[in-house]
Every structure is written in structure tokens, then in C-alpha cells.
């Protein structure tokens, strides 16, 4: 959870610094997608390994 908070802070800093307010929503969606891939991927890989695939 700390990594997510850190990423949100850095994203907000980037948006304010570069004035990318229009891309804020897109960056937020990409951030959430990256976090979900980071959290879900090990579980998916382990389930395929145990299934013998």
C-alpha cells in the first residue's frame, strides 16, 4: 500500500509541475492498472504452476 501512496504523490507532483491537468485521469487509470498487475500477477502465475500448465 505504501508504494501506491508514493506513486500517487509522485503522479500529483508531475501533474502540478508540468501542468498536465488534462492527462490526470489517464495517468490515474494507468497507475491503478499498473498496481493491479503488480498485485495480481504473482497469484495468477502461482495458480497456473500448481495447475500444471
PDB file of N, CA and C in Angstrom:
ATOM      1  N   UNK A   1       0.820  -1.189   0.000  1.00  0.00           N
ATOM      2  CA  UNK A   1       0.000   0.000   0.000  1.00  0.00           C
ATOM      3  C   UNK A   1       0.870   1.261   0.000  1.00  0.00           C
ATOM      4  N   UNK A   2       2.041   1.147   0.604  1.00  0.00           N
ATOM      5  CA  UNK A   2       2.933   2.308   0.634  1.00  0.00           C
ATOM      6  C   UNK A   2       3.363   2.722  -0.769  1.00  0.00           C
ATOM      7  N   UNK A   3       3.584   1.718  -1.605  1.00  0.00           N
ATOM      8  CA  UNK A   3       4.026   2.013  -2.968  1.00  0.00           C
ATOM      9  C   UNK A   3       2.949   2.769  -3.728  1.00  0.00           C
ATOM     10  N   UNK A   4       1.690   2.378  -3.518  1.00  0.00           N
ATOM     11  CA  UNK A   4       0.588   3.060  -4.186  1.00  0.00           C
ATOM     12  C   UNK A   4       0.507   4.520  -3.741  1.00  0.00           C
ATOM     13  N   UNK A   5       0.650   4.753  -2.464  1.00  0.00           N
ATOM     14  CA  UNK A   5       0.609   6.126  -1.947  1.00  0.00           C
ATOM     15  C   UNK A   5       1.773   6.938  -2.507  1.00  0.00           C
ATOM     16  N   UNK A   6       2.950   6.330  -2.553  1.00  0.00           N
ATOM     17  CA  UNK A   6       4.120   7.008  -3.108  1.00  0.00           C
ATOM     18  C   UNK A   6       3.911   7.351  -4.580  1.00  0.00           C
ATOM     19  N   UNK A   7       3.344   6.406  -5.339  1.00  0.00           N
ATOM     20  CA  UNK A   7       3.093   6.649  -6.759  1.00  0.00           C
ATOM     21  C   UNK A   7       2.072   7.763  -6.972  1.00  0.00           C
ATOM     22  N   UNK A   8       1.045   7.796  -6.142  1.00  0.00           N
ATOM     23  CA  UNK A   8       0.033   8.859  -6.260  1.00  0.00           C
ATOM     24  C   UNK A   8       0.653  10.212  -5.963  1.00  0.00           C
ATOM     25  N   UNK A   9       1.488  10.285  -4.938  1.00  0.00           N
ATOM     26  CA  UNK A   9       2.152  11.554  -4.610  1.00  0.00           C
ATOM     27  C   UNK A   9       3.032  12.022  -5.765  1.00  0.00           C
ATOM     28  N   UNK A  10       3.812  11.106  -6.320  1.00  0.00           N
ATOM     29  CA  UNK A  10       4.702  11.470  -7.421  1.00  0.00           C
ATOM     30  C   UNK A  10       3.910  11.864  -8.669  1.00  0.00           C
ATOM     31  N   UNK A  11       2.803  11.160  -8.923  1.00  0.00           N
ATOM     32  CA  UNK A  11       1.975  11.495 -10.069  1.00  0.00           C
ATOM     33  C   UNK A  11       1.387  12.890  -9.897  1.00  0.00           C
ATOM     34  N   UNK A  12       0.900  13.198  -8.699  1.00  0.00           N
ATOM     35  CA  UNK A  12       0.327  14.515  -8.438  1.00  0.00           C
ATOM     36  C   UNK A  12       1.389  15.606  -8.607  1.00  0.00           C
ATOM     37  N   UNK A  13       2.609  15.335  -8.136  1.00  0.00           N
ATOM     38  CA  UNK A  13       3.702  16.293  -8.291  1.00  0.00           C
ATOM     39  C   UNK A  13       4.003  16.536  -9.774  1.00  0.00           C
ATOM     40  N   UNK A  14       4.023  15.457 -10.573  1.00  0.00           N
ATOM     41  CA  UNK A  14       4.277  15.585 -12.004  1.00  0.00           C
ATOM     42  C   UNK A  14       3.182  16.408 -12.677  1.00  0.00           C
ATOM     43  N   UNK A  15       1.931  16.144 -12.331  1.00  0.00           N
ATOM     44  CA  UNK A  15       0.817  16.873 -12.929  1.00  0.00           C
ATOM     45  C   UNK A  15       0.907  18.355 -12.592  1.00  0.00           C
ATOM     46  N   UNK A  16       1.212  18.680 -11.339  1.00  0.00           N
ATOM     47  CA  UNK A  16       1.305  20.089 -10.950  1.00  0.00           C
ATOM     48  C   UNK A  16       2.505  20.767 -11.594  1.00  0.00           C
ATOM     49  N   UNK A  17       3.642  20.053 -11.633  1.00  0.00           N
ATOM     50  CA  UNK A  17       4.869  20.650 -12.162  1.00  0.00           C
ATOM     51  C   UNK A  17       4.753  20.923 -13.658  1.00  0.00           C
ATOM     52  N   UNK A  18       4.265  19.954 -14.403  1.00  0.00           N
ATOM     53  CA  UNK A  18       4.213  20.072 -15.855  1.00  0.00           C
ATOM     54  C   UNK A  18       2.869  20.597 -16.366  1.00  0.00           C
ATOM     55  N   UNK A  19       1.946  20.849 -15.459  1.00  0.00           N
ATOM     56  CA  UNK A  19       0.602  21.349 -15.777  1.00  0.00           C
ATOM     57  C   UNK A  19      -0.109  20.431 -16.770  1.00  0.00           C
ATOM     58  N   UNK A  20      -0.135  19.172 -16.414  1.00  0.00           N
ATOM     59  CA  UNK A  20      -0.768  18.148 -17.247  1.00  0.00           C
ATOM     60  C   UNK A  20      -2.143  17.776 -16.688  1.00  0.00           C
ATOM     61  N   UNK A  21      -2.930  18.759 -16.355  1.00  0.00           N
ATOM     62  CA  UNK A  21      -4.211  18.502 -15.723  1.00  0.00           C
ATOM     63  C   UNK A  21      -5.141  17.697 -16.629  1.00  0.00           C
ATOM     64  N   UNK A  22      -5.040  17.873 -17.923  1.00  0.00           N
ATOM     65  CA  UNK A  22      -5.904  17.149 -18.853  1.00  0.00           C
ATOM     66  C   UNK A  22      -5.562  15.653 -18.876  1.00  0.00           C
ATOM     67  N   UNK A  23      -4.318  15.315 -18.604  1.00  0.00           N
ATOM     68  CA  UNK A  23      -3.899  13.918 -18.616  1.00  0.00           C
ATOM     69  C   UNK A  23      -3.980  13.265 -17.238  1.00  0.00           C
ATOM     70  N   UNK A  24      -4.454  13.984 -16.262  1.00  0.00           N
ATOM     71  CA  UNK A  24      -4.523  13.463 -14.897  1.00  0.00           C
ATOM     72  C   UNK A  24      -5.336  12.195 -14.789  1.00  0.00           C
ATOM     73  N   UNK A  25      -6.495  12.173 -15.435  1.00  0.00           N
ATOM     74  CA  UNK A  25      -7.352  10.989 -15.362  1.00  0.00           C
ATOM     75  C   UNK A  25      -6.695   9.790 -16.039  1.00  0.00           C
ATOM     76  N   UNK A  26      -6.068  10.023 -17.178  1.00  0.00           N
ATOM     77  CA  UNK A  26      -5.392   8.940 -17.898  1.00  0.00           C
ATOM     78  C   UNK A  26      -4.245   8.386 -17.055  1.00  0.00           C
ATOM     79  N   UNK A  27      -3.476   9.266 -16.441  1.00  0.00           N
ATOM     80  CA  UNK A  27      -2.375   8.817 -15.592  1.00  0.00           C
ATOM     81  C   UNK A  27      -2.891   8.043 -14.388  1.00  0.00           C
ATOM     82  N   UNK A  28      -4.011   8.470 -13.834  1.00  0.00           N
ATOM     83  CA  UNK A  28      -4.595   7.767 -12.692  1.00  0.00           C
ATOM     84  C   UNK A  28      -5.052   6.365 -13.094  1.00  0.00           C
ATOM     85  N   UNK A  29      -5.670   6.229 -14.240  1.00  0.00           N
ATOM     86  CA  UNK A  29      -6.108   4.913 -14.719  1.00  0.00           C
ATOM     87  C   UNK A  29      -4.893   4.014 -14.956  1.00  0.00           C
ATOM     88  N   UNK A  30      -3.846   4.552 -15.552  1.00  0.00           N
ATOM     89  CA  UNK A  30      -2.632   3.761 -15.772  1.00  0.00           C
ATOM     90  C   UNK A  30      -1.984   3.358 -14.453  1.00  0.00           C
ATOM     91  N   UNK A  31      -2.019   4.238 -13.471  1.00  0.00           N
ATOM     92  CA  UNK A  31      -1.461   3.930 -12.162  1.00  0.00           C
ATOM     93  C   UNK A  31      -2.218   2.785 -11.506  1.00  0.00           C
ATOM     94  N   UNK A  32      -3.527   2.840 -11.547  1.00  0.00           N
ATOM     95  CA  UNK A  32      -4.338   1.774 -10.944  1.00  0.00           C
ATOM     96  C   UNK A  32      -4.121   0.457 -11.691  1.00  0.00           C
ATOM     97  N   UNK A  33      -4.055   0.506 -13.012  1.00  0.00           N
ATOM     98  CA  UNK A  33      -3.821  -0.708 -13.801  1.00  0.00           C
ATOM     99  C   UNK A  33      -2.454  -1.316 -13.470  1.00  0.00           C
ATOM    100  N   UNK A  34      -1.443  -0.485 -13.356  1.00  0.00           N
ATOM    101  CA  UNK A  34      -0.103  -0.987 -13.023  1.00  0.00           C
ATOM    102  C   UNK A  34      -0.083  -1.601 -11.627  1.00  0.00           C
ATOM    103  N   UNK A  35      -0.768  -0.983 -10.689  1.00  0.00           N
ATOM    104  CA  UNK A  35      -0.811  -1.511  -9.328  1.00  0.00           C
ATOM    105  C   UNK A  35      -1.540  -2.852  -9.297  1.00  0.00           C
ATOM    106  N   UNK A  36      -2.634  -2.964 -10.043  1.00  0.00           N
ATOM    107  CA  UNK A  36      -3.368  -4.230 -10.077  1.00  0.00           C
ATOM    108  C   UNK A  36      -2.544  -5.342 -10.712  1.00  0.00           C
ATOM    109  N   UNK A  37      -1.830  -5.024 -11.774  1.00  0.00           N
ATOM    110  CA  UNK A  37      -0.964  -6.023 -12.404  1.00  0.00           C
ATOM    111  C   UNK A  37       0.124  -6.453 -11.431  1.00  0.00           C
ATOM    112  N   UNK A  38       0.662  -5.520 -10.696  1.00  0.00           N
ATOM    113  CA  UNK A  38       1.716  -5.821  -9.728  1.00  0.00           C
ATOM    114  C   UNK A  38       1.190  -6.728  -8.619  1.00  0.00           C
ATOM    115  N   UNK A  39      -0.040  -6.508  -8.177  1.00  0.00           N
ATOM    116  CA  UNK A  39      -0.610  -7.281  -7.087  1.00  0.00           C
ATOM    117  C   UNK A  39      -1.162  -8.631  -7.550  1.00  0.00           C
ATOM    118  N   UNK A  40      -1.759  -8.695  -8.722  1.00  0.00           N
ATOM    119  CA  UNK A  40      -2.462  -9.894  -9.166  1.00  0.00           C
ATOM    120  C   UNK A  40      -1.546 -10.876  -9.880  1.00  0.00           C
ATOM    121  N   UNK A  41      -0.553 -10.417 -10.571  1.00  0.00           N
ATOM    122  CA  UNK A  41       0.279 -11.272 -11.409  1.00  0.00           C
ATOM    123  C   UNK A  41       0.916 -12.442 -10.643  1.00  0.00           C
ATOM    124  N   UNK A  42       1.520 -12.237  -9.475  1.00  0.00           N
ATOM    125  CA  UNK A  42       2.108 -13.394  -8.783  1.00  0.00           C
ATOM    126  C   UNK A  42       1.068 -14.465  -8.434  1.00  0.00           C
ATOM    127  N   UNK A  43      -0.126 -14.054  -8.076  1.00  0.00           N
ATOM    128  CA  UNK A  43      -1.178 -15.009  -7.737  1.00  0.00           C
ATOM    129  C   UNK A  43      -1.574 -15.818  -8.966  1.00  0.00           C
ATOM    130  N   UNK A  44      -1.696 -15.142 -10.104  1.00  0.00           N
ATOM    131  CA  UNK A  44      -2.073 -15.843 -11.335  1.00  0.00           C
ATOM    132  C   UNK A  44      -0.987 -16.817 -11.765  1.00  0.00           C
ATOM    133  N   UNK A  45       0.241 -16.437 -11.654  1.00  0.00           N
ATOM    134  CA  UNK A  45       1.347 -17.315 -12.049  1.00  0.00           C
ATOM    135  C   UNK A  45       1.394 -18.546 -11.146  1.00  0.00           C
ATOM    136  N   UNK A  46       1.225 -18.346  -9.850  1.00  0.00           N
ATOM    137  CA  UNK A  46       1.269 -19.467  -8.909  1.00  0.00           C
ATOM    138  C   UNK A  46       0.123 -20.432  -9.175  1.00  0.00           C
ATOM    139  N   UNK A  47      -1.060 -19.915  -9.479  1.00  0.00           N
ATOM    140  CA  UNK A  47      -2.187 -20.819  -9.730  1.00  0.00           C
ATOM    141  C   UNK A  47      -1.943 -21.646 -10.986  1.00  0.00           C
ATOM    142  N   UNK A  48      -1.311 -21.082 -12.023  1.00  0.00           N
ATOM    143  CA  UNK A  48      -1.004 -21.860 -13.213  1.00  0.00           C
ATOM    144  C   UNK A  48       0.091 -22.890 -12.938  1.00  0.00           C
ATOM    145  N   UNK A  49       1.034 -22.561 -12.101  1.00  0.00           N
ATOM    146  CA  UNK A  49       2.093 -23.511 -11.768  1.00  0.00           C
ATOM    147  C   UNK A  49       1.507 -24.696 -11.017  1.00  0.00           C
ATOM    148  N   UNK A  50       0.640 -24.424 -10.047  1.00  0.00           N
ATOM    149  CA  UNK A  50       0.028 -25.509  -9.284  1.00  0.00           C
ATOM    150  C   UNK A  50      -0.918 -26.343 -10.143  1.00  0.00           C
ATOM    151  N   UNK A  51      -1.515 -25.749 -11.161  1.00  0.00           N
ATOM    152  CA  UNK A  51      -2.409 -26.500 -12.031  1.00  0.00           C
ATOM    153  C   UNK A  51      -1.637 -27.379 -13.013  1.00  0.00           C
ATOM    154  N   UNK A  52      -0.340 -27.143 -13.130  1.00  0.00           N
ATOM    155  CA  UNK A  52       0.485 -27.959 -14.010  1.00  0.00           C
ATOM    156  C   UNK A  52       0.503 -27.499 -15.439  1.00  0.00           C
ATOM    157  N   UNK A  53       0.119 -26.266 -15.661  1.00  0.00           N
ATOM    158  CA  UNK A  53       0.100 -25.741 -17.030  1.00  0.00           C
ATOM    159  C   UNK A  53       1.435 -25.088 -17.326  1.00  0.00           C
TER     160      UNK A  53
END
